[in-house]
Amino acid sequence: MNINKFLSNNWSIIVGLLAAIFTAGTLFSEFTALKTELQTIHERLDKKIKVINELEDRIIDIEKELQYEKGYIEGKGK
């Protein structure tokens, strides 16, 4: 009987507490989803950076080859 009286006198506090727990769970869920999304974006960015670095290396190699050919042609012409 004592618990029923406590609940009836303090129902607004109990409802507020339940709402706070629900809100905390919702916030935790949102932060977890954002963390997962951020990890996915980070992984995609890492892949793109790797591709850019590989392309940059290929460009440098092509430029070196062009300079070599240019020098070879100029040297051959003299």
PDB file of N, CA and C in Angstrom:
ATOM      1  N   MET A   1       0.821  -1.186   0.000  1.00  0.00           N
ATOM      2  CA  MET A   1       0.000   0.000   0.000  1.00  0.00           C
ATOM      3  C   MET A   1       0.872   1.261   0.000  1.00  0.00           C
ATOM      4  N   ASN A   2       2.007   1.187   0.643  1.00  0.00           N
ATOM      5  CA  ASN A   2       2.911   2.321   0.749  1.00  0.00           C
ATOM      6  C   ASN A   2       3.475   2.696  -0.621  1.00  0.00           C
ATOM      7  N   ILE A   3       3.764   1.694  -1.457  1.00  0.00           N
ATOM      8  CA  ILE A   3       4.310   1.951  -2.792  1.00  0.00           C
ATOM      9  C   ILE A   3       3.248   2.611  -3.667  1.00  0.00           C
ATOM     10  N   ASN A   4       2.011   2.153  -3.569  1.00  0.00           N
ATOM     11  CA  ASN A   4       0.942   2.755  -4.362  1.00  0.00           C
ATOM     12  C   ASN A   4       0.743   4.223  -3.993  1.00  0.00           C
ATOM     13  N   LYS A   5       0.819   4.526  -2.726  1.00  0.00           N
ATOM     14  CA  LYS A   5       0.664   5.908  -2.275  1.00  0.00           C
ATOM     15  C   LYS A   5       1.824   6.766  -2.780  1.00  0.00           C
ATOM     16  N   PHE A   6       3.029   6.199  -2.719  1.00  0.00           N
ATOM     17  CA  PHE A   6       4.212   6.912  -3.221  1.00  0.00           C
ATOM     18  C   PHE A   6       4.068   7.199  -4.713  1.00  0.00           C
ATOM     19  N   LEU A   7       3.624   6.191  -5.476  1.00  0.00           N
ATOM     20  CA  LEU A   7       3.456   6.358  -6.917  1.00  0.00           C
ATOM     21  C   LEU A   7       2.376   7.391  -7.239  1.00  0.00           C
ATOM     22  N   SER A   8       1.289   7.350  -6.515  1.00  0.00           N
ATOM     23  CA  SER A   8       0.212   8.298  -6.798  1.00  0.00           C
ATOM     24  C   SER A   8       0.597   9.725  -6.417  1.00  0.00           C
ATOM     25  N   ASN A   9       1.410   9.897  -5.406  1.00  0.00           N
ATOM     26  CA  ASN A   9       1.835  11.234  -4.987  1.00  0.00           C
ATOM     27  C   ASN A   9       2.971  11.790  -5.857  1.00  0.00           C
ATOM     28  N   ASN A  10       3.757  10.898  -6.439  1.00  0.00           N
ATOM     29  CA  ASN A  10       4.958  11.338  -7.173  1.00  0.00           C
ATOM     30  C   ASN A  10       4.957  10.876  -8.619  1.00  0.00           C
ATOM     31  N   TRP A  11       3.789  10.730  -9.222  1.00  0.00           N
ATOM     32  CA  TRP A  11       3.715  10.214 -10.585  1.00  0.00           C
ATOM     33  C   TRP A  11       4.406  11.131 -11.589  1.00  0.00           C
ATOM     34  N   SER A  12       4.386  12.432 -11.372  1.00  0.00           N
ATOM     35  CA  SER A  12       5.030  13.351 -12.321  1.00  0.00           C
ATOM     36  C   SER A  12       6.554  13.179 -12.302  1.00  0.00           C
ATOM     37  N   ILE A  13       7.102  12.911 -11.132  1.00  0.00           N
ATOM     38  CA  ILE A  13       8.549  12.680 -11.027  1.00  0.00           C
ATOM     39  C   ILE A  13       8.911  11.389 -11.751  1.00  0.00           C
ATOM     40  N   ILE A  14       8.089  10.350 -11.575  1.00  0.00           N
ATOM     41  CA  ILE A  14       8.356   9.056 -12.204  1.00  0.00           C
ATOM     42  C   ILE A  14       8.243   9.176 -13.728  1.00  0.00           C
ATOM     43  N   VAL A  15       7.219   9.890 -14.195  1.00  0.00           N
ATOM     44  CA  VAL A  15       7.068  10.096 -15.637  1.00  0.00           C
ATOM     45  C   VAL A  15       8.251  10.903 -16.179  1.00  0.00           C
ATOM     46  N   GLY A  16       8.675  11.904 -15.458  1.00  0.00           N
ATOM     47  CA  GLY A  16       9.842  12.696 -15.876  1.00  0.00           C
ATOM     48  C   GLY A  16      11.097  11.845 -15.938  1.00  0.00           C
ATOM     49  N   LEU A  17      11.259  10.963 -14.955  1.00  0.00           N
ATOM     50  CA  LEU A  17      12.414  10.068 -14.932  1.00  0.00           C
ATOM     51  C   LEU A  17      12.378   9.115 -16.121  1.00  0.00           C
ATOM     52  N   LEU A  18      11.213   8.558 -16.410  1.00  0.00           N
ATOM     53  CA  LEU A  18      11.086   7.669 -17.563  1.00  0.00           C
ATOM     54  C   LEU A  18      11.353   8.421 -18.868  1.00  0.00           C
ATOM     55  N   ALA A  19      10.871   9.646 -18.969  1.00  0.00           N
ATOM     56  CA  ALA A  19      11.118  10.455 -20.161  1.00  0.00           C
ATOM     57  C   ALA A  19      12.612  10.750 -20.309  1.00  0.00           C
ATOM     58  N   ALA A  20      13.274  11.014 -19.196  1.00  0.00           N
ATOM     59  CA  ALA A  20      14.720  11.281 -19.239  1.00  0.00           C
ATOM     60  C   ALA A  20      15.482  10.039 -19.699  1.00  0.00           C
ATOM     61  N   ILE A  21      15.085   8.879 -19.214  1.00  0.00           N
ATOM     62  CA  ILE A  21      15.737   7.630 -19.621  1.00  0.00           C
ATOM     63  C   ILE A  21      15.516   7.386 -21.115  1.00  0.00           C
ATOM     64  N   PHE A  22      14.281   7.599 -21.575  1.00  0.00           N
ATOM     65  CA  PHE A  22      13.976   7.426 -22.993  1.00  0.00           C
ATOM     66  C   PHE A  22      14.788   8.398 -23.853  1.00  0.00           C
ATOM     67  N   THR A  23      14.887   9.637 -23.403  1.00  0.00           N
ATOM     68  CA  THR A  23      15.648  10.648 -24.136  1.00  0.00           C
ATOM     69  C   THR A  23      17.132  10.286 -24.180  1.00  0.00           C
ATOM     70  N   ALA A  24      17.649   9.802 -23.060  1.00  0.00           N
ATOM     71  CA  ALA A  24      19.059   9.398 -23.023  1.00  0.00           C
ATOM     72  C   ALA A  24      19.307   8.248 -23.994  1.00  0.00           C
ATOM     73  N   GLY A  25      18.398   7.297 -24.059  1.00  0.00           N
ATOM     74  CA  GLY A  25      18.529   6.187 -25.000  1.00  0.00           C
ATOM     75  C   GLY A  25      18.494   6.657 -26.442  1.00  0.00           C
ATOM     76  N   THR A  26      17.604   7.595 -26.719  1.00  0.00           N
ATOM     77  CA  THR A  26      17.505   8.144 -28.069  1.00  0.00           C
ATOM     78  C   THR A  26      18.783   8.886 -28.451  1.00  0.00           C
ATOM     79  N   LEU A  27      19.303   9.688 -27.541  1.00  0.00           N
ATOM     80  CA  LEU A  27      20.555  10.413 -27.807  1.00  0.00           C
ATOM     81  C   LEU A  27      21.717   9.452 -28.034  1.00  0.00           C
ATOM     82  N   PHE A  28      21.778   8.411 -27.218  1.00  0.00           N
ATOM     83  CA  PHE A  28      22.838   7.414 -27.383  1.00  0.00           C
ATOM     84  C   PHE A  28      22.739   6.763 -28.752  1.00  0.00           C
ATOM     85  N   SER A  29      21.527   6.436 -29.161  1.00  0.00           N
ATOM     86  CA  SER A  29      21.310   5.821 -30.469  1.00  0.00           C
ATOM     87  C   SER A  29      21.749   6.753 -31.595  1.00  0.00           C
ATOM     88  N   GLU A  30      21.415   8.019 -31.493  1.00  0.00           N
ATOM     89  CA  GLU A  30      21.804   8.991 -32.522  1.00  0.00           C
ATOM     90  C   GLU A  30      23.322   9.151 -32.587  1.00  0.00           C
ATOM     91  N   PHE A  31      23.969   9.250 -31.435  1.00  0.00           N
ATOM     92  CA  PHE A  31      25.422   9.385 -31.427  1.00  0.00           C
ATOM     93  C   PHE A  31      26.098   8.149 -31.989  1.00  0.00           C
ATOM     94  N   THR A  32      25.543   6.967 -31.710  1.00  0.00           N
ATOM     95  CA  THR A  32      26.103   5.736 -32.252  1.00  0.00           C
ATOM     96  C   THR A  32      25.964   5.720 -33.768  1.00  0.00           C
ATOM     97  N   ALA A  33      24.809   6.147 -34.267  1.00  0.00           N
ATOM     98  CA  ALA A  33      24.608   6.200 -35.721  1.00  0.00           C
ATOM     99  C   ALA A  33      25.563   7.200 -36.362  1.00  0.00           C
ATOM    100  N   LEU A  34      25.760   8.352 -35.742  1.00  0.00           N
ATOM    101  CA  LEU A  34      26.688   9.347 -36.274  1.00  0.00           C
ATOM    102  C   LEU A  34      28.121   8.828 -36.272  1.00  0.00           C
ATOM    103  N   LYS A  35      28.484   8.099 -35.236  1.00  0.00           N
ATOM    104  CA  LYS A  35      29.827   7.539 -35.153  1.00  0.00           C
ATOM    105  C   LYS A  35      30.054   6.543 -36.289  1.00  0.00           C
ATOM    106  N   THR A  36      29.058   5.710 -36.547  1.00  0.00           N
ATOM    107  CA  THR A  36      29.167   4.737 -37.631  1.00  0.00           C
ATOM    108  C   THR A  36      29.278   5.433 -38.980  1.00  0.00           C
ATOM    109  N   GLU A  37      28.476   6.463 -39.174  1.00  0.00           N
ATOM    110  CA  GLU A  37      28.520   7.221 -40.423  1.00  0.00           C
ATOM    111  C   GLU A  37      29.871   7.909 -40.590  1.00  0.00           C
ATOM    112  N   LEU A  38      30.396   8.455 -39.516  1.00  0.00           N
ATOM    113  CA  LEU A  38      31.698   9.120 -39.571  1.00  0.00           C
ATOM    114  C   LEU A  38      32.807   8.128 -39.912  1.00  0.00           C
ATOM    115  N   GLN A  39      32.741   6.927 -39.352  1.00  0.00           N
ATOM    116  CA  GLN A  39      33.738   5.907 -39.677  1.00  0.00           C
ATOM    117  C   GLN A  39      33.667   5.529 -41.153  1.00  0.00           C
ATOM    118  N   THR A  40      32.453   5.414 -41.682  1.00  0.00           N
ATOM    119  CA  THR A  40      32.281   5.084 -43.091  1.00  0.00           C
ATOM    120  C   THR A  40      32.871   6.181 -43.975  1.00  0.00           C
ATOM    121  N   ILE A  41      32.591   7.428 -43.629  1.00  0.00           N
ATOM    122  CA  ILE A  41      33.122   8.558 -44.398  1.00  0.00           C
ATOM    123  C   ILE A  41      34.646   8.581 -44.318  1.00  0.00           C
ATOM    124  N   HIS A  42      35.183   8.289 -43.151  1.00  0.00           N
ATOM    125  CA  HIS A  42      36.639   8.273 -42.971  1.00  0.00           C
ATOM    126  C   HIS A  42      37.270   7.194 -43.840  1.00  0.00           C
ATOM    127  N   GLU A  43      36.666   6.018 -43.890  1.00  0.00           N
ATOM    128  CA  GLU A  43      37.194   4.931 -44.712  1.00  0.00           C
ATOM    129  C   GLU A  43      37.147   5.300 -46.193  1.00  0.00           C
ATOM    130  N   ARG A  44      36.048   5.915 -46.623  1.00  0.00           N
ATOM    131  CA  ARG A  44      35.932   6.329 -48.023  1.00  0.00           C
ATOM    132  C   ARG A  44      36.969   7.394 -48.361  1.00  0.00           C
ATOM    133  N   LEU A  45      37.191   8.319 -47.435  1.00  0.00           N
ATOM    134  CA  LEU A  45      38.185   9.366 -47.650  1.00  0.00           C
ATOM    135  C   LEU A  45      39.587   8.768 -47.745  1.00  0.00           C
ATOM    136  N   ASP A  46      39.882   7.790 -46.894  1.00  0.00           N
ATOM    137  CA  ASP A  46      41.186   7.130 -46.959  1.00  0.00           C
ATOM    138  C   ASP A  46      41.402   6.471 -48.319  1.00  0.00           C
ATOM    139  N   LYS A  47      40.357   5.823 -48.847  1.00  0.00           N
ATOM    140  CA  LYS A  47      40.469   5.187 -50.162  1.00  0.00           C
ATOM    141  C   LYS A  47      40.717   6.231 -51.242  1.00  0.00           C
ATOM    142  N   LYS A  48      40.023   7.358 -51.165  1.00  0.00           N
ATOM    143  CA  LYS A  48      40.192   8.406 -52.169  1.00  0.00           C
ATOM    144  C   LYS A  48      41.589   9.020 -52.092  1.00  0.00           C
ATOM    145  N   ILE A  49      42.092   9.206 -50.890  1.00  0.00           N
ATOM    146  CA  ILE A  49      43.447   9.746 -50.730  1.00  0.00           C
ATOM    147  C   ILE A  49      44.468   8.781 -51.319  1.00  0.00           C
ATOM    148  N   LYS A  50      44.257   7.484 -51.107  1.00  0.00           N
ATOM    149  CA  LYS A  50      45.165   6.477 -51.654  1.00  0.00           C
ATOM    150  C   LYS A  50      45.154   6.527 -53.181  1.00  0.00           C
ATOM    151  N   VAL A  51      43.966   6.640 -53.783  1.00  0.00           N
ATOM    152  CA  VAL A  51      43.860   6.721 -55.242  1.00  0.00           C
ATOM    153  C   VAL A  51      44.545   7.984 -55.753  1.00  0.00           C
ATOM    154  N   ILE A  52      44.329   9.104 -55.079  1.00  0.00           N
ATOM    155  CA  ILE A  52      44.965  10.367 -55.490  1.00  0.00           C
ATOM    156  C   ILE A  52      46.481  10.246 -55.426  1.00  0.00           C
ATOM    157  N   ASN A  53      47.000   9.640 -54.370  1.00  0.00           N
ATOM    158  CA  ASN A  53      48.455   9.473 -54.252  1.00  0.00           C
ATOM    159  C   ASN A  53      49.005   8.582 -55.360  1.00  0.00           C
ATOM    160  N   GLU A  54      48.267   7.511 -55.681  1.00  0.00           N
ATOM    161  CA  GLU A  54      48.711   6.624 -56.760  1.00  0.00           C
ATOM    162  C   GLU A  54      48.699   7.351 -58.100  1.00  0.00           C
ATOM    163  N   LEU A  55      47.660   8.138 -58.345  1.00  0.00           N
ATOM    164  CA  LEU A  55      47.587   8.895 -59.593  1.00  0.00           C
ATOM    165  C   LEU A  55      48.695   9.944 -59.669  1.00  0.00           C
ATOM    166  N   GLU A  56      48.970  10.568 -58.544  1.00  0.00           N
ATOM    167  CA  GLU A  56      50.048  11.557 -58.504  1.00  0.00           C
ATOM    168  C   GLU A  56      51.388  10.905 -58.832  1.00  0.00           C
ATOM    169  N   ASP A  57      51.636   9.714 -58.309  1.00  0.00           N
ATOM    170  CA  ASP A  57      52.877   8.989 -58.607  1.00  0.00           C
ATOM    171  C   ASP A  57      52.956   8.636 -60.090  1.00  0.00           C
ATOM    172  N   ARG A  58      51.808   8.235 -60.658  1.00  0.00           N
ATOM    173  CA  ARG A  58      51.795   7.909 -62.091  1.00  0.00           C
ATOM    174  C   ARG A  58      52.089   9.147 -62.931  1.00  0.00           C
ATOM    175  N   ILE A  59      51.536  10.282 -62.537  1.00  0.00           N
ATOM    176  CA  ILE A  59      51.787  11.531 -63.270  1.00  0.00           C
ATOM    177  C   ILE A  59      53.264  11.895 -63.213  1.00  0.00           C
ATOM    178  N   ILE A  60      53.868  11.746 -62.061  1.00  0.00           N
ATOM    179  CA  ILE A  60      55.299  12.052 -61.915  1.00  0.00           C
ATOM    180  C   ILE A  60      56.131  11.136 -62.812  1.00  0.00           C
ATOM    181  N   ASP A  61      55.776   9.847 -62.852  1.00  0.00           N
ATOM    182  CA  ASP A  61      56.498   8.907 -63.711  1.00  0.00           C
ATOM    183  C   ASP A  61      56.343   9.274 -65.183  1.00  0.00           C
ATOM    184  N   ILE A  62      55.125   9.674 -65.585  1.00  0.00           N
ATOM    185  CA  ILE A  62      54.887  10.057 -66.978  1.00  0.00           C
ATOM    186  C   ILE A  62      55.669  11.320 -67.316  1.00  0.00           C
ATOM    187  N   GLU A  63      55.694  12.278 -66.388  1.00  0.00           N
ATOM    188  CA  GLU A  63      56.468  13.508 -66.633  1.00  0.00           C
ATOM    189  C   GLU A  63      57.957  13.207 -66.772  1.00  0.00           C
ATOM    190  N   LYS A  64      58.459  12.295 -65.949  1.00  0.00           N
ATOM    191  CA  LYS A  64      59.869  11.911 -66.059  1.00  0.00           C
ATOM    192  C   LYS A  64      60.148  11.268 -67.408  1.00  0.00           C
ATOM    193  N   GLU A  65      59.247  10.398 -67.841  1.00  0.00           N
ATOM    194  CA  GLU A  65      59.420   9.726 -69.124  1.00  0.00           C
ATOM    195  C   GLU A  65      59.378  10.737 -70.271  1.00  0.00           C
ATOM    196  N   LEU A  66      58.461  11.692 -70.196  1.00  0.00           N
ATOM    197  CA  LEU A  66      58.389  12.724 -71.240  1.00  0.00           C
ATOM    198  C   LEU A  66      59.661  13.568 -71.287  1.00  0.00           C
ATOM    199  N   GLN A  67      60.180  13.929 -70.146  1.00  0.00           N
ATOM    200  CA  GLN A  67      61.420  14.715 -70.107  1.00  0.00           C
ATOM    201  C   GLN A  67      62.594  13.908 -70.669  1.00  0.00           C
ATOM    202  N   TYR A  68      62.600  12.606 -70.359  1.00  0.00           N
ATOM    203  CA  TYR A  68      63.662  11.752 -70.891  1.00  0.00           C
ATOM    204  C   TYR A  68      63.572  11.698 -72.413  1.00  0.00           C
ATOM    205  N   GLU A  69      62.343  11.491 -72.936  1.00  0.00           N
ATOM    206  CA  GLU A  69      62.164  11.418 -74.381  1.00  0.00           C
ATOM    207  C   GLU A  69      62.509  12.748 -75.041  1.00  0.00           C
ATOM    208  N   LYS A  70      62.107  13.843 -74.397  1.00  0.00           N
ATOM    209  CA  LYS A  70      62.419  15.167 -74.939  1.00  0.00           C
ATOM    210  C   LYS A  70      63.936  15.372 -75.003  1.00  0.00           C
ATOM    211  N   GLY A  71      64.623  15.018 -73.947  1.00  0.00           N
ATOM    212  CA  GLY A  71      66.085  15.129 -73.917  1.00  0.00           C
ATOM    213  C   GLY A  71      66.741  14.207 -74.919  1.00  0.00           C
ATOM    214  N   TYR A  72      66.188  13.022 -75.073  1.00  0.00           N
ATOM    215  CA  TYR A  72      66.754  12.054 -76.039  1.00  0.00           C
ATOM    216  C   TYR A  72      66.611  12.577 -77.468  1.00  0.00           C
ATOM    217  N   ILE A  73      65.406  13.127 -77.767  1.00  0.00           N
ATOM    218  CA  ILE A  73      65.169  13.665 -79.118  1.00  0.00           C
ATOM    219  C   ILE A  73      66.048  14.880 -79.378  1.00  0.00           C
ATOM    220  N   GLU A  74      66.177  15.750 -78.380  1.00  0.00           N
ATOM    221  CA  GLU A  74      67.049  16.932 -78.548  1.00  0.00           C
ATOM    222  C   GLU A  74      68.507  16.515 -78.690  1.00  0.00           C
ATOM    223  N   GLY A  75      68.916  15.539 -77.934  1.00  0.00           N
ATOM    224  CA  GLY A  75      70.290  15.073 -78.019  1.00  0.00           C
ATOM    225  C   GLY A  75      70.580  14.371 -79.331  1.00  0.00           C
ATOM    226  N   LYS A  76      69.622  13.661 -79.828  1.00  0.00           N
ATOM    227  CA  LYS A  76      69.783  12.941 -81.082  1.00  0.00           C
ATOM    228  C   LYS A  76      69.859  13.908 -82.275  1.00  0.00           C
ATOM    229  N   GLY A  77      69.143  15.024 -82.135  1.00  0.00           N
ATOM    230  CA  GLY A  77      69.113  16.010 -83.217  1.00  0.00           C
ATOM    231  C   GLY A  77      70.387  16.821 -83.331  1.00  0.00           C
ATOM    232  N   LYS A  78      71.194  16.882 -82.289  1.00  0.00           N
ATOM    233  CA  LYS A  78      72.421  17.720 -82.313  1.00  0.00           C
ATOM    234  C   LYS A  78      73.547  17.030 -82.969  1.00  0.00           C
TER     235      LYS A  78
END
